[in-house]
Protein backbone atom coordinates (compact mmCIF):
# COMPACT_ATOMS: atom_id res chain seq x y z
CA MET A 1 -0.03 0.18 -0.09
CA PHE A 2 1.20 3.17 -0.90
CA TRP A 3 0.33 6.45 1.08
CA CYS A 4 1.13 9.67 -1.21
CA ASP A 5 2.08 13.07 0.03
CA PHE A 6 -1.00 14.57 -1.05
CA THR A 7 -4.69 14.68 -0.13
CA ALA A 8 -7.38 13.38 -2.27
CA ARG A 9 -8.74 17.08 -2.71
CA GLU A 10 -5.85 17.72 -4.69
CA ILE A 11 -6.29 15.06 -7.46
CA ASN A 12 -8.63 16.27 -10.16
CA ASP A 13 -11.17 14.03 -11.72
CA ASP A 14 -9.08 12.98 -14.85
CA MET A 15 -6.20 11.79 -12.50
CA ARG A 16 -8.78 9.74 -10.50
CA VAL A 17 -9.66 7.96 -13.30
CA GLY A 18 -6.14 7.61 -14.66
CA SER A 19 -4.95 6.34 -11.13
CA GLY A 20 -7.63 3.88 -10.66
CA LEU A 21 -8.91 5.74 -7.50
CA ASP A 22 -12.55 6.27 -7.64
CA ARG A 23 -14.22 9.28 -5.89
CA GLU A 24 -15.31 7.11 -2.93
CA ALA A 25 -11.84 5.76 -2.34
CA CYS A 26 -10.61 9.45 -2.44
CA ASP A 27 -13.20 11.16 -0.32
CA PHE A 28 -12.61 8.15 2.37
CA LEU A 29 -8.85 8.85 2.33
CA ASP A 30 -9.44 12.38 2.98
CA ARG A 31 -11.95 11.77 5.81
CA SER A 32 -9.81 9.00 7.62
CA ARG A 33 -6.14 9.43 7.54
CA THR A 34 -3.46 11.76 8.76
CA PRO A 35 -1.57 12.40 5.48
CA LEU A 36 2.18 11.65 5.38
CA GLN A 37 4.22 14.36 5.60
CA PRO A 38 7.80 14.54 4.26
CA GLN A 39 9.13 15.73 7.41
CA ALA A 40 7.45 12.97 9.59
CA LYS A 41 10.03 11.89 11.77
CA SER A 42 8.14 8.74 13.75
CA THR A 43 5.29 6.32 12.93
CA SER A 44 3.06 7.88 15.39
CA GLN A 45 3.06 11.15 13.48
CA VAL A 46 2.08 9.48 10.40
CA LEU A 47 -0.87 7.17 11.19
CA ASP A 48 -2.28 7.03 14.50
CA ALA A 49 -4.16 3.76 15.78
CA ALA A 50 -7.63 5.46 15.23
CA ALA A 51 -6.89 6.09 11.74
CA LEU A 52 -5.31 2.78 10.99
CA LYS A 53 -8.36 1.03 12.72
CA SER A 54 -10.47 3.25 10.60
CA ALA A 55 -8.86 2.03 7.48
CA GLN A 56 -8.92 -1.82 8.83
CA GLU A 57 -13.03 -1.23 9.06
CA HIS A 58 -13.32 0.69 5.72
CA ASN A 59 -11.39 -2.50 4.23
CA GLU A 60 -13.81 -4.91 5.96
CA GLN A 61 -16.96 -3.03 5.20
CA THR A 62 -16.35 -2.89 1.42
CA GLY A 63 -15.21 -6.36 0.84
CA GLY A 64 -11.71 -6.09 1.10
CA GLN A 65 -9.58 -9.31 1.36
CA THR A 66 -6.09 -7.85 2.61
CA LEU A 67 -4.84 -4.79 4.27
CA VAL A 68 -0.85 -4.15 4.86
CA VAL A 69 0.33 -0.77 5.94
CA LEU A 70 4.07 -0.42 5.99
CA HIS A 71 5.95 2.52 7.00
CA ASP A 72 9.82 2.78 7.31
CA GLY A 73 9.96 -1.14 7.05
CA LYS A 74 7.57 -1.79 9.95
CA THR A 75 4.20 -3.33 9.57
CA LEU A 76 1.63 -0.94 11.12
CA LEU A 77 -1.30 -2.98 10.33
CA GLU A 78 -2.04 -6.39 8.76
CA SER A 79 -5.50 -7.54 8.30
CA TYR A 80 -7.11 -10.29 6.48
CA ALA A 81 -11.04 -10.65 6.01
CA HIS A 82 -13.28 -12.27 3.51
CA GLY A 83 -11.00 -15.08 2.55
CA GLY A 84 -7.76 -13.25 2.46
CA ALA A 85 -4.77 -14.70 4.14
CA ALA A 86 -0.99 -14.00 4.33
CA GLY A 87 -0.09 -16.81 1.81
CA ARG A 88 -2.98 -16.30 -0.35
CA MET A 89 -2.24 -14.84 -3.90
CA GLN A 90 -4.28 -11.74 -4.90
CA MET A 91 -5.44 -11.16 -8.43
CA LEU A 92 -4.73 -7.36 -8.74
CA ALA A 93 -5.54 -7.03 -12.21
CA SER A 94 -5.70 -3.27 -13.16
CA GLY A 95 -5.03 -2.53 -9.38
CA SER A 96 -1.34 -3.22 -10.41
CA LYS A 97 -1.25 -0.25 -12.40
CA SER A 98 -1.25 1.58 -9.37
CA PHE A 99 2.30 0.78 -8.33
CA LEU A 100 3.99 -0.49 -11.36
CA GLY A 101 4.49 2.74 -12.75
CA VAL A 102 6.05 3.94 -9.39
CA LEU A 103 8.30 0.62 -9.43
CA ALA A 104 9.19 1.10 -13.37
CA MET A 105 10.10 5.00 -12.16
CA ALA A 106 12.32 3.84 -9.38
CA ALA A 107 14.28 1.38 -12.06
CA VAL A 108 14.71 4.47 -14.29
CA GLN A 109 15.92 6.50 -11.35
CA ASP A 110 18.45 3.54 -10.23
CA GLY A 111 19.65 3.42 -14.28
CA MET A 112 18.54 0.14 -14.43
CA ILE A 113 16.04 0.46 -17.45
CA ARG A 114 15.41 3.56 -19.87
CA LEU A 115 11.87 3.72 -20.93
CA ASP A 116 12.75 3.59 -24.37
CA ASP A 117 14.89 0.61 -24.11
CA ARG A 118 13.45 -2.31 -25.69
CA ALA A 119 11.68 -4.69 -23.38
CA CYS A 120 13.31 -7.69 -25.16
CA GLU A 121 16.27 -7.37 -23.36
CA ALA A 122 14.45 -8.52 -20.34
CA ILE A 123 11.89 -10.78 -22.28
CA ALA A 124 14.22 -13.09 -24.07
CA GLU A 125 11.28 -14.78 -25.94
CA TRP A 126 10.56 -11.60 -27.82
CA ALA A 127 14.19 -11.13 -29.02
CA ASP A 128 13.72 -12.93 -32.14
CA ASP A 129 10.25 -11.96 -32.93
CA PRO A 130 10.37 -9.11 -35.39
CA VAL A 131 7.37 -7.24 -33.81
CA ARG A 132 7.48 -7.96 -30.10
CA SER A 133 11.37 -7.14 -30.27
CA ALA A 134 10.58 -3.56 -30.93
CA ILE A 135 8.30 -3.09 -27.89
CA THR A 136 9.85 -0.65 -25.36
CA TYR A 137 8.85 -0.27 -21.36
CA ARG A 138 7.34 3.04 -22.18
CA GLN A 139 4.87 1.10 -24.64
CA LEU A 140 4.04 -1.67 -21.99
CA LEU A 141 3.55 1.07 -19.29
CA THR A 142 1.19 3.36 -21.57
CA LEU A 143 -0.71 0.45 -22.97
CA THR A 144 0.62 1.20 -26.47
CA SER A 145 2.61 -2.11 -27.17
CA GLY A 146 0.10 -3.51 -29.82
CA ILE A 147 -0.71 -6.56 -27.32
CA THR A 148 -4.14 -7.69 -26.82
CA PRO A 149 -5.39 -6.21 -23.44
CA GLY A 150 -6.54 -8.59 -20.77
CA GLU A 151 -10.05 -9.32 -20.76
CA VAL A 152 -12.34 -7.12 -18.56
CA GLY A 153 -13.82 -8.67 -15.61
CA VAL A 154 -11.89 -11.79 -16.00
CA ALA A 155 -9.87 -12.10 -12.88
CA ALA A 156 -10.54 -16.16 -12.01
CA ARG A 157 -7.05 -16.94 -12.59
CA THR A 158 -3.67 -15.54 -12.92
CA PRO A 159 -2.15 -15.91 -16.60
CA ALA A 160 0.53 -18.13 -16.81
CA TRP A 161 4.09 -16.25 -18.19
CA LYS A 162 3.75 -17.99 -21.41
CA ASP A 163 0.31 -17.06 -21.92
CA LEU A 164 1.17 -13.49 -21.25
CA ILE A 165 4.38 -13.20 -23.60
CA THR A 166 2.55 -14.88 -26.38
CA LYS A 167 -0.69 -12.82 -26.45
CA PRO A 168 -1.77 -11.97 -30.04
CA MET A 169 -0.99 -8.46 -31.34
CA THR A 170 -3.74 -6.12 -32.17
CA GLY A 171 -1.49 -3.59 -33.96
CA ARG A 172 2.00 -2.21 -34.44
CA PRO A 173 3.89 -1.30 -31.17
CA GLY A 174 3.40 2.36 -30.02
CA ALA A 175 0.25 2.60 -32.70
CA SER A 176 -2.15 0.96 -30.45
């Protein structure tokens, strides 16, 4: 879970849609938490027990299965409900976009990748494919790789790696 250094009031409607945050989630964050402040020195300055309890209750009331809150490498809250469990994999589907971009930018900042590098450097199975070998990290992150998107509403199983890297193309990389 990532808490941001801004409040939901600072997120405009376009960003809510793009980030996967709906209006109810943004409003809840505004009402129920103490926002992270960059100068925060201790866990108690970030989230108090009442805010954590409120987040846990909201998670359970809205059908959430797993809620983990971390700060400075310490687990502040770990809660499971509705069939969630520490060892149970969760199908995140589009939820993964909320943090995948952050991870990709960290990799860019650390010099591990450049957005316009070809993804076949990491996905060896694409290296000899004339179309897939041209796909960049930027195109994967912006959903313009030309790879067939996932099926809407189908999150019953985690696809196998082979299925993901061999999905049919719907267009040229960068064009769709």
